[in-house]
Amino acid sequence: MSNRDLDLLLQTLAIDSTWGRERELAEFIADQLRQWGADEVGLVESMPGRPSVGARIKGTGGGRSLILNGHLDTYEVSGDWDTDPFAPYIADGKIYGSGIADMKAATTASLAVMRRVLESGTRPRGDLVFQGVSCHFEGGVGTRSLIDAGFTADAAVCGEPTDNTIGAVHRGAAYLEVTTYGKQAHTAGKHLGLNAIETMEPILAALRELEGTLPYEPHPELPGGPILNIGTIRGGTKHNQVPDRCTISLDLRLLPSQDPYAVRQQVIAMIDKLSADDPRIRATVEFSPHWLSGPRLPYEIGTEEPIARTVADAVRTAGGDPVFRGIQFWTDMVPLKQAGIDAVNIGPGTPPYNWANEWVETSKYLEIVEIYAAAAHAWCA
């Protein structure tokens, strides 16, 4: 393994691609791919000012095509870093840099494989496609836009952080906004108003109970039931005004047996029951615009499907033992599946996925380069 693969990772880590600022990294990757001789390179505006980059190495014909998919956008940087988060470095067997686990290590590994194939002088029979996507956190908007632009293939490998285990199933999510409606009044005339924060209180209590009663079928690779988090609460305008609105945001992480649309109806039914006992409670339940931009559906593919077997064999080729393990979070395998593209996920990085002094083990990064290379060679040959 050449140190060039590590150098490439240090270069991508030095570029700030925090959520919404993906352009510089997308342009850097596109320039590299053009210099290496990719047959097709394109920047696609997934959202205004937020390009994704797609590239294609054309095969000689008659082989299966493969996508290597990774997102460019990273979470906001913690203020607790001990060093500059965009001055990456290697120490004690680890590579440090903002967004390395989620998920610049895997995205750069895919890029390194593209370079390896282009410099080898030998083309596979099938196309090899790189998708470096922006707007992942909007529900796979970048992946959808690259597919629409023609950067598609027969199967795909995503690289979200799973400690180089293979993910063939993951949770979905429902992002809901619950709004209660009251009547504004001055504190001095409180009896003439209706406090929407106060009518939200029984809903908050009922939601905590609902987390443990939502129906689901257990999944052996996804332990536990649905997870409900009350993420934000907004209400009122001033201390001396009775608030006429209160809105909370919910993140419900669901099992493959659960449908986000059905879960929304279950939340509505719960509130309707509360309203029947207390007519002051008036509320609406809607999917957040952030969810609607790319619905976070659950995902599952059989571990005996061709792409799953190919990646398992690639892990063996790289010297490891393939392990299939469920993923607790959402991935771009969903928009790929919606386009008819089977996918599995494997990438370096461990929980909590993004944190101060974020790192990935150097050996796991070097291993994933070899796994992606072996998978591309076997699938596209």
Protein backbone atom coordinates (compact mmCIF):
# COMPACT_ATOMS: atom_id res chain seq x y z
CA MET A 1 0.00 0.00 0.00
CA SER A 2 1.43 3.31 -1.09
CA ASN A 3 1.51 6.32 1.19
CA ARG A 4 -0.18 8.13 -1.69
CA ASP A 5 -3.51 6.86 -0.38
CA LEU A 6 -2.79 8.40 3.01
CA ASP A 7 -1.62 11.64 1.40
CA LEU A 8 -4.87 11.83 -0.57
CA LEU A 9 -6.86 11.46 2.64
CA LEU A 10 -4.87 14.22 4.34
CA GLN A 11 -5.65 16.47 1.37
CA THR A 12 -9.40 15.90 1.54
CA LEU A 13 -9.43 16.29 5.32
CA ALA A 14 -7.75 19.70 5.02
CA ILE A 15 -10.72 21.02 3.00
CA ASP A 16 -13.65 22.27 5.07
CA SER A 17 -16.78 20.64 3.65
CA THR A 18 -19.02 21.24 6.63
CA TRP A 19 -22.71 20.77 5.82
CA GLY A 20 -23.57 23.34 3.13
CA ARG A 21 -19.95 24.10 2.18
CA GLU A 22 -19.18 21.14 -0.08
CA ARG A 23 -18.18 23.08 -3.21
CA GLU A 24 -14.42 23.35 -2.59
CA LEU A 25 -14.06 19.63 -1.91
CA ALA A 26 -16.27 18.70 -4.88
CA GLU A 27 -14.16 20.86 -7.19
CA PHE A 28 -10.92 19.43 -5.79
CA ILE A 29 -12.11 15.87 -6.39
CA ALA A 30 -13.36 16.70 -9.89
CA ASP A 31 -9.98 18.24 -10.77
CA GLN A 32 -8.15 15.16 -9.51
CA LEU A 33 -10.34 12.81 -11.51
CA ARG A 34 -9.83 14.84 -14.67
CA GLN A 35 -6.05 14.84 -14.16
CA TRP A 36 -6.05 11.07 -13.69
CA GLY A 37 -7.98 10.60 -16.92
CA ALA A 38 -11.51 9.65 -15.93
CA ASP A 39 -13.70 9.32 -19.02
CA GLU A 40 -16.54 11.37 -17.61
CA VAL A 41 -16.46 13.89 -14.76
CA GLY A 42 -19.33 16.16 -13.81
CA LEU A 43 -20.31 18.62 -11.10
CA VAL A 44 -24.05 18.50 -10.45
CA GLU A 45 -25.80 21.20 -8.41
CA SER A 46 -27.71 19.01 -5.97
CA MET A 47 -28.99 22.15 -4.23
CA PRO A 48 -28.10 25.76 -5.06
CA GLY A 49 -24.38 26.28 -4.44
CA ARG A 50 -23.89 22.70 -3.29
CA PRO A 51 -22.45 20.53 -6.07
CA SER A 52 -21.94 16.79 -6.01
CA VAL A 53 -19.25 15.21 -8.16
CA GLY A 54 -19.74 12.16 -10.35
CA ALA A 55 -17.18 10.34 -12.45
CA ARG A 56 -17.10 7.30 -14.70
CA ILE A 57 -14.38 4.95 -15.85
CA LYS A 58 -15.82 3.32 -18.94
CA GLY A 59 -15.40 -0.43 -19.18
CA THR A 60 -14.44 -2.33 -22.28
CA GLY A 61 -17.91 -3.86 -22.47
CA GLY A 62 -19.86 -6.85 -21.25
CA GLY A 63 -19.26 -6.42 -17.53
CA ARG A 64 -21.38 -5.30 -14.60
CA SER A 65 -21.10 -1.69 -13.45
CA LEU A 66 -20.51 -0.52 -9.89
CA ILE A 67 -20.94 2.73 -7.94
CA LEU A 68 -18.64 3.72 -5.08
CA ASN A 69 -20.75 6.19 -3.07
CA GLY A 70 -19.66 8.55 -0.30
CA HIS A 71 -20.87 11.90 0.97
CA LEU A 72 -18.80 15.07 1.11
CA ASP A 73 -20.78 16.99 3.72
CA THR A 74 -19.69 16.66 7.34
CA TYR A 75 -21.28 17.76 10.60
CA GLU A 76 -20.50 21.04 12.31
CA VAL A 77 -17.19 21.03 14.15
CA SER A 78 -17.19 20.66 17.93
CA GLY A 79 -15.60 23.50 19.84
CA ASP A 80 -13.70 20.97 21.96
CA TRP A 81 -11.01 20.06 19.42
CA ASP A 82 -7.50 20.16 20.89
CA THR A 83 -6.03 21.01 17.47
CA ASP A 84 -7.12 22.65 14.23
CA PRO A 85 -9.78 20.22 12.89
CA PHE A 86 -8.70 21.03 9.32
CA ALA A 87 -5.01 20.40 9.97
CA PRO A 88 -5.13 16.59 9.81
CA TYR A 89 -2.33 14.48 11.21
CA ILE A 90 -1.34 10.87 11.89
CA ALA A 91 -0.34 9.69 15.36
CA ASP A 92 -0.45 6.47 17.38
CA GLY A 93 -1.96 4.44 14.56
CA LYS A 94 -4.80 6.87 13.95
CA ILE A 95 -5.61 9.59 11.42
CA TYR A 96 -7.21 12.70 12.91
CA GLY A 97 -9.40 15.22 11.07
CA SER A 98 -12.88 16.67 11.02
CA GLY A 99 -15.36 14.37 9.33
CA ILE A 100 -12.91 11.51 8.83
CA ALA A 101 -15.24 8.87 10.29
CA ASP A 102 -18.45 10.32 8.86
CA MET A 103 -17.23 9.85 6.23
CA LYS A 104 -14.22 11.30 4.44
CA ALA A 105 -12.10 8.19 5.01
CA ALA A 106 -14.46 6.00 2.98
CA THR A 107 -15.12 8.65 0.32
CA THR A 108 -11.39 9.19 -0.16
CA ALA A 109 -10.80 5.43 -0.28
CA SER A 110 -13.26 5.24 -3.17
CA LEU A 111 -11.40 8.07 -4.87
CA ALA A 112 -8.08 6.26 -4.34
CA VAL A 113 -9.52 3.18 -6.05
CA MET A 114 -10.58 5.28 -9.04
CA ARG A 115 -7.00 6.56 -9.30
CA ARG A 116 -5.60 3.04 -8.99
CA VAL A 117 -7.76 1.75 -11.85
CA LEU A 118 -7.00 4.76 -14.08
CA GLU A 119 -3.25 4.46 -13.53
CA SER A 120 -3.18 0.69 -13.99
CA GLY A 121 -3.56 0.92 -17.76
CA THR A 122 -6.13 -1.90 -17.64
CA ARG A 123 -9.85 -1.29 -17.87
CA PRO A 124 -12.46 -3.64 -16.42
CA ARG A 125 -15.28 -4.85 -18.64
CA GLY A 126 -17.89 -2.95 -16.62
CA ASP A 127 -18.03 0.75 -15.75
CA LEU A 128 -16.75 1.97 -12.39
CA VAL A 129 -18.62 5.05 -11.14
CA PHE A 130 -17.65 7.44 -8.34
CA GLN A 131 -20.36 9.40 -6.51
CA GLY A 132 -19.11 12.10 -4.14
CA VAL A 133 -22.39 13.51 -2.91
CA SER A 134 -23.36 16.73 -1.22
CA CYS A 135 -26.70 17.20 0.56
CA HIS A 136 -26.57 13.74 2.13
CA PHE A 137 -28.08 15.11 5.33
CA GLU A 138 -31.10 16.31 3.37
CA GLY A 139 -32.02 12.68 2.71
CA GLY A 140 -29.75 11.62 -0.10
CA VAL A 141 -30.47 14.60 -2.34
CA GLY A 142 -26.94 14.44 -3.77
CA THR A 143 -27.20 10.77 -4.65
CA ARG A 144 -30.56 11.31 -6.30
CA SER A 145 -29.22 14.21 -8.37
CA LEU A 146 -26.19 12.22 -9.57
CA ILE A 147 -28.40 9.31 -10.58
CA ASP A 148 -30.66 11.72 -12.47
CA ALA A 149 -27.54 13.09 -14.21
CA GLY A 150 -26.66 9.61 -15.46
CA PHE A 151 -24.05 8.51 -12.91
CA THR A 152 -25.75 5.18 -12.34
CA ALA A 153 -24.78 1.51 -12.38
CA ASP A 154 -25.97 -2.03 -11.68
CA ALA A 155 -24.99 -2.07 -7.99
CA ALA A 156 -23.35 0.14 -5.37
CA VAL A 157 -21.16 0.17 -2.28
CA CYS A 158 -21.69 2.93 0.29
CA GLY A 159 -19.10 3.79 2.92
CA GLU A 160 -20.85 5.05 6.06
CA PRO A 161 -18.86 4.22 9.23
CA THR A 162 -19.41 0.60 10.26
CA ASP A 163 -15.88 -0.34 11.40
CA ASN A 164 -15.45 -2.20 8.11
CA THR A 165 -18.36 -4.55 8.81
CA ILE A 166 -20.94 -5.02 6.06
CA GLY A 167 -24.33 -3.38 6.49
CA ALA A 168 -27.24 -4.87 4.57
CA VAL A 169 -30.05 -3.52 6.78
CA HIS A 170 -30.63 -0.25 8.59
CA ARG A 171 -33.25 1.75 10.41
CA GLY A 172 -35.44 4.36 8.83
CA ALA A 173 -36.60 7.59 10.42
CA ALA A 174 -39.58 9.87 10.69
CA TYR A 175 -38.84 13.54 11.37
CA LEU A 176 -42.07 15.06 12.66
CA GLU A 177 -43.11 18.54 13.74
CA VAL A 178 -45.93 18.76 16.27
CA THR A 179 -47.52 22.19 16.73
CA THR A 180 -50.06 23.13 19.39
CA TYR A 181 -52.32 26.15 18.94
CA GLY A 182 -53.47 28.50 21.70
CA LYS A 183 -54.58 32.11 21.93
CA GLN A 184 -52.27 35.05 22.46
CA ALA A 185 -52.88 37.41 25.36
CA HIS A 186 -50.96 39.67 27.73
CA THR A 187 -49.92 38.15 31.02
CA ALA A 188 -52.22 40.58 32.80
CA GLY A 189 -55.11 39.09 30.79
CA LYS A 190 -53.88 35.50 30.90
CA HIS A 191 -57.40 34.20 31.54
CA LEU A 192 -58.40 35.50 28.07
CA GLY A 193 -55.67 33.49 26.31
CA LEU A 194 -54.63 29.86 25.94
CA ASN A 195 -51.00 28.89 26.52
CA ALA A 196 -49.81 26.62 23.68
CA ILE A 197 -46.72 25.59 25.67
CA GLU A 198 -48.92 24.32 28.47
CA THR A 199 -51.12 22.33 26.07
CA MET A 200 -47.95 20.77 24.68
CA GLU A 201 -47.07 19.35 28.11
CA PRO A 202 -49.44 16.34 28.01
CA ILE A 203 -48.29 15.60 24.47
CA LEU A 204 -44.66 15.46 25.63
CA ALA A 205 -45.58 13.01 28.37
CA ALA A 206 -47.61 10.87 25.97
CA LEU A 207 -44.76 10.78 23.45
CA ARG A 208 -42.41 9.37 26.08
CA GLU A 209 -44.92 6.57 26.65
CA LEU A 210 -45.48 6.07 22.92
CA GLU A 211 -41.81 5.23 22.36
CA GLY A 212 -42.35 1.97 24.24
CA THR A 213 -45.71 1.05 22.72
CA LEU A 214 -45.30 1.62 18.97
CA PRO A 215 -45.86 -1.74 17.22
CA TYR A 216 -42.90 -3.31 15.44
CA GLU A 217 -41.35 -6.64 14.54
CA PRO A 218 -37.97 -7.26 16.18
CA HIS A 219 -35.01 -7.56 13.84
CA PRO A 220 -32.03 -9.75 14.79
CA GLU A 221 -29.51 -7.25 13.39
CA LEU A 222 -31.15 -4.15 14.89
CA PRO A 223 -31.58 -4.72 18.62
CA GLY A 224 -34.25 -2.84 20.50
CA GLY A 225 -37.40 -1.11 19.43
CA PRO A 226 -38.07 2.26 17.86
CA ILE A 227 -36.17 5.22 19.27
CA LEU A 228 -37.93 8.56 19.84
CA ASN A 229 -36.04 11.77 20.52
CA ILE A 230 -37.68 15.13 21.24
CA GLY A 231 -35.05 17.31 19.61
CA THR A 232 -36.23 20.93 19.78
CA ILE A 233 -39.02 23.02 21.24
CA ARG A 234 -40.04 26.50 20.16
CA GLY A 235 -42.84 28.59 21.61
CA GLY A 236 -43.85 32.09 22.48
CA THR A 237 -42.51 35.51 21.56
CA LYS A 238 -41.98 37.37 24.87
CA HIS A 239 -42.01 36.70 28.57
CA ASN A 240 -45.16 38.80 29.01
CA GLN A 241 -47.18 37.20 26.20
CA VAL A 242 -49.28 34.06 26.43
CA PRO A 243 -47.92 31.97 23.52
CA ASP A 244 -50.34 31.00 20.77
CA ARG A 245 -47.95 28.50 19.14
CA CYS A 246 -45.58 25.81 20.34
CA THR A 247 -43.69 23.44 18.03
CA ILE A 248 -41.54 20.46 18.87
CA SER A 249 -39.42 18.40 16.48
CA LEU A 250 -39.24 14.64 16.77
CA ASP A 251 -36.75 12.12 15.42
CA LEU A 252 -38.19 8.59 15.44
CA ARG A 253 -35.75 5.86 14.40
CA LEU A 254 -37.73 2.92 13.03
CA LEU A 255 -37.30 -0.76 12.30
CA PRO A 256 -37.72 -2.17 8.77
CA SER A 257 -41.17 -3.44 9.78
CA GLN A 258 -42.34 0.13 10.46
CA ASP A 259 -43.63 2.63 7.93
CA PRO A 260 -42.89 6.33 8.67
CA TYR A 261 -46.25 7.36 7.22
CA ALA A 262 -48.08 4.91 9.49
CA VAL A 263 -46.07 6.12 12.49
CA ARG A 264 -47.18 9.69 11.80
CA GLN A 265 -50.79 8.49 11.87
CA GLN A 266 -50.13 6.77 15.20
CA VAL A 267 -48.85 10.04 16.66
CA ILE A 268 -51.94 11.81 15.34
CA ALA A 269 -54.21 9.17 16.90
CA MET A 270 -52.45 9.60 20.24
CA ILE A 271 -53.03 13.36 20.18
CA ASP A 272 -56.64 12.91 19.09
CA LYS A 273 -57.19 10.80 22.22
CA LEU A 274 -55.69 13.53 24.38
CA SER A 275 -57.87 16.13 22.69
CA ALA A 276 -60.98 14.09 23.39
CA ASP A 277 -60.19 14.31 27.12
CA ASP A 278 -59.05 17.95 26.99
CA PRO A 279 -60.63 20.00 24.16
CA ARG A 280 -58.09 22.80 24.76
CA ILE A 281 -55.47 20.63 23.01
CA ARG A 282 -55.38 21.43 19.29
CA ALA A 283 -52.38 20.21 17.37
CA THR A 284 -51.06 19.31 13.94
CA VAL A 285 -48.47 16.63 13.09
CA GLU A 286 -46.46 17.04 9.86
CA PHE A 287 -43.28 15.66 8.39
CA SER A 288 -40.52 18.25 8.58
CA PRO A 289 -39.39 19.84 5.30
CA HIS A 290 -35.97 18.31 6.02
CA TRP A 291 -37.54 14.83 5.93
CA LEU A 292 -39.66 15.53 2.89
CA SER A 293 -36.56 16.51 0.88
CA GLY A 294 -35.59 12.84 1.01
CA PRO A 295 -37.80 10.42 2.99
CA ARG A 296 -35.69 8.32 5.36
CA LEU A 297 -37.15 4.89 4.67
CA PRO A 298 -35.67 1.72 6.20
CA TYR A 299 -33.45 -0.50 4.05
CA GLU A 300 -32.78 -4.22 3.80
CA ILE A 301 -31.14 -6.48 1.23
CA GLY A 302 -30.45 -10.20 1.51
CA THR A 303 -26.91 -11.14 2.48
CA GLU A 304 -26.89 -13.69 -0.36
CA GLU A 305 -27.58 -11.11 -3.05
CA PRO A 306 -24.76 -10.79 -5.61
CA ILE A 307 -23.40 -7.44 -4.42
CA ALA A 308 -23.42 -8.63 -0.79
CA ARG A 309 -21.52 -11.80 -1.71
CA THR A 310 -19.05 -9.81 -3.81
CA VAL A 311 -18.23 -7.44 -0.94
CA ALA A 312 -17.92 -10.32 1.52
CA ASP A 313 -15.45 -11.99 -0.85
CA ALA A 314 -13.58 -8.67 -1.17
CA VAL A 315 -13.15 -8.54 2.62
CA ARG A 316 -11.59 -12.01 2.45
CA THR A 317 -9.34 -10.93 -0.42
CA ALA A 318 -8.13 -8.03 1.74
CA GLY A 319 -7.28 -10.47 4.53
CA GLY A 320 -10.31 -10.04 6.77
CA ASP A 321 -13.32 -12.07 7.88
CA PRO A 322 -16.61 -10.63 6.56
CA VAL A 323 -19.15 -9.71 9.24
CA PHE A 324 -22.69 -8.59 8.45
CA ARG A 325 -24.10 -6.21 11.04
CA GLY A 326 -27.20 -4.01 11.14
CA ILE A 327 -26.76 -0.23 10.93
CA GLN A 328 -28.58 1.96 13.45
CA PHE A 329 -28.56 5.07 11.22
CA TRP A 330 -29.82 5.97 7.73
CA THR A 331 -27.76 5.70 4.54
CA ASP A 332 -27.90 6.58 0.85
CA MET A 333 -28.62 2.94 0.08
CA VAL A 334 -32.28 4.05 0.13
CA PRO A 335 -32.18 6.45 -2.85
CA LEU A 336 -29.99 3.92 -4.66
CA LYS A 337 -32.60 1.20 -4.05
CA GLN A 338 -35.37 3.54 -5.22
CA ALA A 339 -33.45 3.83 -8.49
CA GLY A 340 -33.29 0.04 -8.79
CA ILE A 341 -29.66 -0.25 -7.60
CA ASP A 342 -28.84 -2.90 -4.99
CA ALA A 343 -26.31 -1.73 -2.43
CA VAL A 344 -24.46 -2.69 0.72
CA ASN A 345 -22.47 -0.50 3.07
CA ILE A 346 -18.97 -0.91 4.47
CA GLY A 347 -16.66 1.81 5.78
CA PRO A 348 -14.18 2.64 8.55
CA GLY A 349 -15.17 4.57 11.66
CA THR A 350 -16.88 3.77 14.95
CA PRO A 351 -19.48 5.44 17.22
CA PRO A 352 -20.11 8.24 18.01
CA TYR A 353 -19.22 8.91 14.33
CA ASN A 354 -18.51 12.65 14.74
CA TRP A 355 -16.87 14.18 17.77
CA ALA A 356 -13.99 16.38 18.92
CA ASN A 357 -10.59 14.98 17.87
CA GLU A 358 -12.32 12.63 15.42
CA TRP A 359 -10.17 9.76 14.14
CA VAL A 360 -10.08 6.58 12.11
CA GLU A 361 -7.55 3.82 12.59
CA THR A 362 -4.90 4.01 9.88
CA SER A 363 -5.08 0.26 9.34
CA LYS A 364 -8.85 0.39 8.83
CA TYR A 365 -8.50 3.12 6.20
CA LEU A 366 -5.82 1.20 4.33
CA GLU A 367 -7.94 -1.95 4.61
CA ILE A 368 -11.03 -0.30 3.13
CA VAL A 369 -9.04 0.87 0.10
CA GLU A 370 -8.12 -2.77 -0.54
CA ILE A 371 -11.69 -3.95 0.02
CA TYR A 372 -13.13 -1.42 -2.42
CA ALA A 373 -10.45 -2.28 -4.96
CA ALA A 374 -11.13 -6.01 -4.66
CA ALA A 375 -14.90 -5.48 -4.91
CA ALA A 376 -14.54 -3.29 -8.01
CA HIS A 377 -12.19 -5.79 -9.64
CA ALA A 378 -14.48 -8.75 -8.99
CA TRP A 379 -17.77 -7.03 -9.85
CA CYS A 380 -16.69 -5.16 -12.97
CA ALA A 381 -14.32 -7.82 -14.41
